[in-house]
């Protein structure tokens, strides 16, 4: 399983951080090319693949890739 955040579209709204029941994300100090503070994945191994981050992302830039 892998969590991808497309930095071309993310506007740093932090909704993914707030909706995740497993605290997979945190706000990083990294800015996108458009100047938005980006979320980062910190506990990918704890992800339960609930899809809340994908479903709530208003910019449709988070993708949870389920493998095998």
PDB file of N, CA and C in Angstrom:
ATOM      1  N   UNK A   1       0.842  -1.170   0.000  1.00  0.00           N
ATOM      2  CA  UNK A   1       0.000   0.000   0.000  1.00  0.00           C
ATOM      3  C   UNK A   1       0.890   1.237   0.000  1.00  0.00           C
ATOM      4  N   UNK A   2       0.445   2.232  -0.739  1.00  0.00           N
ATOM      5  CA  UNK A   2       1.205   3.473  -0.850  1.00  0.00           C
ATOM      6  C   UNK A   2       0.220   4.635  -0.917  1.00  0.00           C
ATOM      7  N   UNK A   3       0.587   5.755  -0.309  1.00  0.00           N
ATOM      8  CA  UNK A   3      -0.240   6.959  -0.341  1.00  0.00           C
ATOM      9  C   UNK A   3       0.496   8.013  -1.158  1.00  0.00           C
ATOM     10  N   UNK A   4      -0.150   8.470  -2.219  1.00  0.00           N
ATOM     11  CA  UNK A   4       0.433   9.488  -3.082  1.00  0.00           C
ATOM     12  C   UNK A   4      -0.326  10.798  -2.931  1.00  0.00           C
ATOM     13  N   UNK A   5       0.423  11.893  -2.857  1.00  0.00           N
ATOM     14  CA  UNK A   5      -0.164  13.232  -2.823  1.00  0.00           C
ATOM     15  C   UNK A   5       0.375  13.978  -4.038  1.00  0.00           C
ATOM     16  N   UNK A   6      -0.510  14.384  -4.918  1.00  0.00           N
ATOM     17  CA  UNK A   6      -0.105  15.088  -6.129  1.00  0.00           C
ATOM     18  C   UNK A   6       0.088  16.571  -5.796  1.00  0.00           C
ATOM     19  N   UNK A   7       1.331  16.974  -5.696  1.00  0.00           N
ATOM     20  CA  UNK A   7       1.672  18.331  -5.285  1.00  0.00           C
ATOM     21  C   UNK A   7       1.273  19.382  -6.309  1.00  0.00           C
ATOM     22  N   UNK A   8       0.985  18.957  -7.540  1.00  0.00           N
ATOM     23  CA  UNK A   8       0.556  19.919  -8.560  1.00  0.00           C
ATOM     24  C   UNK A   8      -0.817  20.493  -8.243  1.00  0.00           C
ATOM     25  N   UNK A   9      -1.632  19.731  -7.516  1.00  0.00           N
ATOM     26  CA  UNK A   9      -3.011  20.152  -7.266  1.00  0.00           C
ATOM     27  C   UNK A   9      -3.315  20.452  -5.802  1.00  0.00           C
ATOM     28  N   UNK A  10      -2.522  19.930  -4.880  1.00  0.00           N
ATOM     29  CA  UNK A  10      -2.777  20.128  -3.449  1.00  0.00           C
ATOM     30  C   UNK A  10      -2.654  21.607  -3.096  1.00  0.00           C
ATOM     31  N   UNK A  11      -3.646  22.096  -2.345  1.00  0.00           N
ATOM     32  CA  UNK A  11      -3.638  23.488  -1.912  1.00  0.00           C
ATOM     33  C   UNK A  11      -3.383  23.632  -0.416  1.00  0.00           C
ATOM     34  N   UNK A  12      -2.923  22.555   0.219  1.00  0.00           N
ATOM     35  CA  UNK A  12      -2.539  22.617   1.620  1.00  0.00           C
ATOM     36  C   UNK A  12      -3.679  22.888   2.577  1.00  0.00           C
ATOM     37  N   UNK A  13      -4.874  22.400   2.279  1.00  0.00           N
ATOM     38  CA  UNK A  13      -6.042  22.697   3.117  1.00  0.00           C
ATOM     39  C   UNK A  13      -6.031  21.940   4.450  1.00  0.00           C
ATOM     40  N   UNK A  14      -5.259  20.866   4.539  1.00  0.00           N
ATOM     41  CA  UNK A  14      -5.099  20.060   5.760  1.00  0.00           C
ATOM     42  C   UNK A  14      -6.305  19.191   6.112  1.00  0.00           C
ATOM     43  N   UNK A  15      -7.272  19.097   5.231  1.00  0.00           N
ATOM     44  CA  UNK A  15      -8.427  18.241   5.514  1.00  0.00           C
ATOM     45  C   UNK A  15      -7.978  16.799   5.726  1.00  0.00           C
ATOM     46  N   UNK A  16      -7.040  16.330   4.939  1.00  0.00           N
ATOM     47  CA  UNK A  16      -6.542  14.946   5.087  1.00  0.00           C
ATOM     48  C   UNK A  16      -5.988  14.708   6.489  1.00  0.00           C
ATOM     49  N   UNK A  17      -5.332  15.697   7.037  1.00  0.00           N
ATOM     50  CA  UNK A  17      -4.763  15.588   8.382  1.00  0.00           C
ATOM     51  C   UNK A  17      -5.872  15.418   9.416  1.00  0.00           C
ATOM     52  N   UNK A  18      -6.947  16.150   9.251  1.00  0.00           N
ATOM     53  CA  UNK A  18      -8.028  16.155  10.235  1.00  0.00           C
ATOM     54  C   UNK A  18      -8.977  14.966  10.125  1.00  0.00           C
ATOM     55  N   UNK A  19      -9.163  14.423   8.916  1.00  0.00           N
ATOM     56  CA  UNK A  19     -10.122  13.315   8.764  1.00  0.00           C
ATOM     57  C   UNK A  19      -9.501  11.938   8.995  1.00  0.00           C
ATOM     58  N   UNK A  20      -8.196  11.840   8.969  1.00  0.00           N
ATOM     59  CA  UNK A  20      -7.546  10.535   9.098  1.00  0.00           C
ATOM     60  C   UNK A  20      -7.646  10.002  10.531  1.00  0.00           C
ATOM     61  N   UNK A  21      -8.270   8.826  10.699  1.00  0.00           N
ATOM     62  CA  UNK A  21      -8.426   8.275  12.051  1.00  0.00           C
ATOM     63  C   UNK A  21      -7.128   7.698  12.625  1.00  0.00           C
ATOM     64  N   UNK A  22      -6.123   7.522  11.789  1.00  0.00           N
ATOM     65  CA  UNK A  22      -4.861   6.922  12.224  1.00  0.00           C
ATOM     66  C   UNK A  22      -3.683   7.893  12.237  1.00  0.00           C
ATOM     67  N   UNK A  23      -3.955   9.176  12.030  1.00  0.00           N
ATOM     68  CA  UNK A  23      -2.901  10.208  12.050  1.00  0.00           C
ATOM     69  C   UNK A  23      -1.752   9.885  11.110  1.00  0.00           C
ATOM     70  N   UNK A  24      -2.109   9.575   9.886  1.00  0.00           N
ATOM     71  CA  UNK A  24      -1.121   9.220   8.868  1.00  0.00           C
ATOM     72  C   UNK A  24      -0.383  10.456   8.345  1.00  0.00           C
ATOM     73  N   UNK A  25      -1.040  11.602   8.403  1.00  0.00           N
ATOM     74  CA  UNK A  25      -0.494  12.825   7.811  1.00  0.00           C
ATOM     75  C   UNK A  25      -0.114  13.862   8.870  1.00  0.00           C
ATOM     76  N   UNK A  26       0.812  14.732   8.473  1.00  0.00           N
ATOM     77  CA  UNK A  26       1.100  15.929   9.252  1.00  0.00           C
ATOM     78  C   UNK A  26       1.472  17.031   8.267  1.00  0.00           C
ATOM     79  N   UNK A  27       1.350  18.265   8.688  1.00  0.00           N
ATOM     80  CA  UNK A  27       1.728  19.384   7.847  1.00  0.00           C
ATOM     81  C   UNK A  27       3.243  19.489   7.861  1.00  0.00           C
ATOM     82  N   UNK A  28       3.825  19.548   6.694  1.00  0.00           N
ATOM     83  CA  UNK A  28       5.285  19.635   6.614  1.00  0.00           C
ATOM     84  C   UNK A  28       5.694  21.093   6.453  1.00  0.00           C
ATOM     85  N   UNK A  29       6.951  21.335   6.490  1.00  0.00           N
ATOM     86  CA  UNK A  29       7.469  22.675   6.249  1.00  0.00           C
ATOM     87  C   UNK A  29       7.746  22.902   4.778  1.00  0.00           C
ATOM     88  N   UNK A  30       7.464  21.886   3.960  1.00  0.00           N
ATOM     89  CA  UNK A  30       7.735  21.949   2.520  1.00  0.00           C
ATOM     90  C   UNK A  30       6.600  22.672   1.805  1.00  0.00           C
ATOM     91  N   UNK A  31       6.967  23.539   0.893  1.00  0.00           N
ATOM     92  CA  UNK A  31       5.971  24.257   0.087  1.00  0.00           C
ATOM     93  C   UNK A  31       5.960  23.704  -1.340  1.00  0.00           C
ATOM     94  N   UNK A  32       4.768  23.665  -1.913  1.00  0.00           N
ATOM     95  CA  UNK A  32       4.646  23.253  -3.314  1.00  0.00           C
ATOM     96  C   UNK A  32       5.167  24.382  -4.201  1.00  0.00           C
ATOM     97  N   UNK A  33       5.250  24.118  -5.486  1.00  0.00           N
ATOM     98  CA  UNK A  33       5.702  25.149  -6.422  1.00  0.00           C
ATOM     99  C   UNK A  33       4.756  26.335  -6.436  1.00  0.00           C
ATOM    100  N   UNK A  34       3.505  26.102  -6.030  1.00  0.00           N
ATOM    101  CA  UNK A  34       2.521  27.190  -5.985  1.00  0.00           C
ATOM    102  C   UNK A  34       2.516  27.891  -4.634  1.00  0.00           C
ATOM    103  N   UNK A  35       3.354  27.441  -3.689  1.00  0.00           N
ATOM    104  CA  UNK A  35       3.517  28.130  -2.416  1.00  0.00           C
ATOM    105  C   UNK A  35       2.698  27.601  -1.253  1.00  0.00           C
ATOM    106  N   UNK A  36       1.983  26.489  -1.454  1.00  0.00           N
ATOM    107  CA  UNK A  36       1.163  25.929  -0.384  1.00  0.00           C
ATOM    108  C   UNK A  36       1.991  25.008   0.515  1.00  0.00           C
ATOM    109  N   UNK A  37       1.751  25.056   1.811  1.00  0.00           N
ATOM    110  CA  UNK A  37       2.378  24.107   2.729  1.00  0.00           C
ATOM    111  C   UNK A  37       1.763  22.739   2.489  1.00  0.00           C
ATOM    112  N   UNK A  38       2.608  21.758   2.311  1.00  0.00           N
ATOM    113  CA  UNK A  38       2.153  20.427   1.918  1.00  0.00           C
ATOM    114  C   UNK A  38       1.995  19.493   3.108  1.00  0.00           C
ATOM    115  N   UNK A  39       0.987  18.618   3.049  1.00  0.00           N
ATOM    116  CA  UNK A  39       0.927  17.542   4.037  1.00  0.00           C
ATOM    117  C   UNK A  39       1.978  16.504   3.669  1.00  0.00           C
ATOM    118  N   UNK A  40       2.398  15.744   4.647  1.00  0.00           N
ATOM    119  CA  UNK A  40       3.312  14.640   4.367  1.00  0.00           C
ATOM    120  C   UNK A  40       2.817  13.399   5.084  1.00  0.00           C
ATOM    121  N   UNK A  41       3.161  12.262   4.519  1.00  0.00           N
ATOM    122  CA  UNK A  41       2.776  10.980   5.095  1.00  0.00           C
ATOM    123  C   UNK A  41       3.839  10.594   6.109  1.00  0.00           C
ATOM    124  N   UNK A  42       3.418  10.336   7.361  1.00  0.00           N
ATOM    125  CA  UNK A  42       4.400  10.013   8.400  1.00  0.00           C
ATOM    126  C   UNK A  42       4.243   8.606   8.965  1.00  0.00           C
ATOM    127  N   UNK A  43       3.063   8.032   8.845  1.00  0.00           N
ATOM    128  CA  UNK A  43       2.822   6.695   9.413  1.00  0.00           C
ATOM    129  C   UNK A  43       2.118   5.799   8.410  1.00  0.00           C
ATOM    130  N   UNK A  44       2.647   5.713   7.215  1.00  0.00           N
ATOM    131  CA  UNK A  44       1.981   4.957   6.146  1.00  0.00           C
ATOM    132  C   UNK A  44       1.654   3.523   6.563  1.00  0.00           C
ATOM    133  N   UNK A  45       2.504   2.907   7.361  1.00  0.00           N
ATOM    134  CA  UNK A  45       2.293   1.515   7.785  1.00  0.00           C
ATOM    135  C   UNK A  45       1.050   1.361   8.662  1.00  0.00           C
ATOM    136  N   UNK A  46       0.597   2.452   9.283  1.00  0.00           N
ATOM    137  CA  UNK A  46      -0.588   2.404  10.144  1.00  0.00           C
ATOM    138  C   UNK A  46      -1.893   2.642   9.382  1.00  0.00           C
ATOM    139  N   UNK A  47      -1.802   2.927   8.095  1.00  0.00           N
ATOM    140  CA  UNK A  47      -2.980   3.216   7.285  1.00  0.00           C
ATOM    141  C   UNK A  47      -3.902   1.990   7.220  1.00  0.00           C
ATOM    142  N   UNK A  48      -5.199   2.225   7.434  1.00  0.00           N
ATOM    143  CA  UNK A  48      -6.182   1.136   7.374  1.00  0.00           C
ATOM    144  C   UNK A  48      -6.959   1.165   6.054  1.00  0.00           C
ATOM    145  N   UNK A  49      -6.525   1.986   5.123  1.00  0.00           N
ATOM    146  CA  UNK A  49      -7.107   2.091   3.789  1.00  0.00           C
ATOM    147  C   UNK A  49      -8.598   2.401   3.822  1.00  0.00           C
ATOM    148  N   UNK A  50      -8.996   3.278   4.720  1.00  0.00           N
ATOM    149  CA  UNK A  50     -10.416   3.645   4.847  1.00  0.00           C
ATOM    150  C   UNK A  50     -10.880   4.549   3.712  1.00  0.00           C
ATOM    151  N   UNK A  51      -9.949   5.259   3.096  1.00  0.00           N
ATOM    152  CA  UNK A  51     -10.284   6.121   1.971  1.00  0.00           C
ATOM    153  C   UNK A  51     -10.810   7.498   2.336  1.00  0.00           C
ATOM    154  N   UNK A  52     -10.839   7.834   3.622  1.00  0.00           N
ATOM    155  CA  UNK A  52     -11.356   9.146   4.018  1.00  0.00           C
ATOM    156  C   UNK A  52     -10.530  10.286   3.419  1.00  0.00           C
ATOM    157  N   UNK A  53      -9.227  10.131   3.396  1.00  0.00           N
ATOM    158  CA  UNK A  53      -8.380  11.190   2.839  1.00  0.00           C
ATOM    159  C   UNK A  53      -8.689  11.400   1.356  1.00  0.00           C
ATOM    160  N   UNK A  54      -8.873  10.323   0.617  1.00  0.00           N
ATOM    161  CA  UNK A  54      -9.221  10.426  -0.809  1.00  0.00           C
ATOM    162  C   UNK A  54     -10.592  11.066  -1.000  1.00  0.00           C
ATOM    163  N   UNK A  55     -11.556  10.622  -0.227  1.00  0.00           N
ATOM    164  CA  UNK A  55     -12.930  11.083  -0.397  1.00  0.00           C
ATOM    165  C   UNK A  55     -13.144  12.532   0.014  1.00  0.00           C
ATOM    166  N   UNK A  56     -12.434  12.995   1.037  1.00  0.00           N
ATOM    167  CA  UNK A  56     -12.623  14.358   1.526  1.00  0.00           C
ATOM    168  C   UNK A  56     -11.729  15.388   0.840  1.00  0.00           C
ATOM    169  N   UNK A  57     -10.721  14.950   0.126  1.00  0.00           N
ATOM    170  CA  UNK A  57      -9.798  15.884  -0.520  1.00  0.00           C
ATOM    171  C   UNK A  57     -10.539  16.686  -1.598  1.00  0.00           C
ATOM    172  N   UNK A  58     -10.691  18.007  -1.408  1.00  0.00           N
ATOM    173  CA  UNK A  58     -11.433  18.807  -2.388  1.00  0.00           C
ATOM    174  C   UNK A  58     -10.684  18.978  -3.707  1.00  0.00           C
ATOM    175  N   UNK A  59      -9.391  18.728  -3.700  1.00  0.00           N
ATOM    176  CA  UNK A  59      -8.579  18.899  -4.902  1.00  0.00           C
ATOM    177  C   UNK A  59      -8.295  17.580  -5.618  1.00  0.00           C
ATOM    178  N   UNK A  60      -8.834  16.500  -5.082  1.00  0.00           N
ATOM    179  CA  UNK A  60      -8.691  15.154  -5.652  1.00  0.00           C
ATOM    180  C   UNK A  60      -7.219  14.854  -5.950  1.00  0.00           C
ATOM    181  N   UNK A  61      -6.368  15.092  -4.966  1.00  0.00           N
ATOM    182  CA  UNK A  61      -4.933  14.906  -5.193  1.00  0.00           C
ATOM    183  C   UNK A  61      -4.322  13.806  -4.320  1.00  0.00           C
ATOM    184  N   UNK A  62      -5.146  13.099  -3.537  1.00  0.00           N
ATOM    185  CA  UNK A  62      -4.632  12.003  -2.717  1.00  0.00           C
ATOM    186  C   UNK A  62      -5.120  10.692  -3.309  1.00  0.00           C
ATOM    187  N   UNK A  63      -4.185   9.748  -3.411  1.00  0.00           N
ATOM    188  CA  UNK A  63      -4.504   8.453  -3.964  1.00  0.00           C
ATOM    189  C   UNK A  63      -3.884   7.379  -3.055  1.00  0.00           C
ATOM    190  N   UNK A  64      -4.739   6.517  -2.512  1.00  0.00           N
ATOM    191  CA  UNK A  64      -4.251   5.382  -1.731  1.00  0.00           C
ATOM    192  C   UNK A  64      -4.191   4.190  -2.677  1.00  0.00           C
ATOM    193  N   UNK A  65      -2.988   3.737  -2.947  1.00  0.00           N
ATOM    194  CA  UNK A  65      -2.777   2.623  -3.868  1.00  0.00           C
ATOM    195  C   UNK A  65      -2.734   1.341  -3.073  1.00  0.00           C
ATOM    196  N   UNK A  66      -3.718   0.505  -3.319  1.00  0.00           N
ATOM    197  CA  UNK A  66      -3.803  -0.783  -2.622  1.00  0.00           C
ATOM    198  C   UNK A  66      -3.086  -1.831  -3.458  1.00  0.00           C
ATOM    199  N   UNK A  67      -2.124  -2.483  -2.872  1.00  0.00           N
ATOM    200  CA  UNK A  67      -1.332  -3.479  -3.594  1.00  0.00           C
ATOM    201  C   UNK A  67      -1.677  -4.885  -3.116  1.00  0.00           C
ATOM    202  N   UNK A  68      -1.664  -5.803  -4.069  1.00  0.00           N
ATOM    203  CA  UNK A  68      -1.851  -7.222  -3.770  1.00  0.00           C
ATOM    204  C   UNK A  68      -3.053  -7.503  -3.041  1.00  0.00           C
TER     205      UNK A  68
END
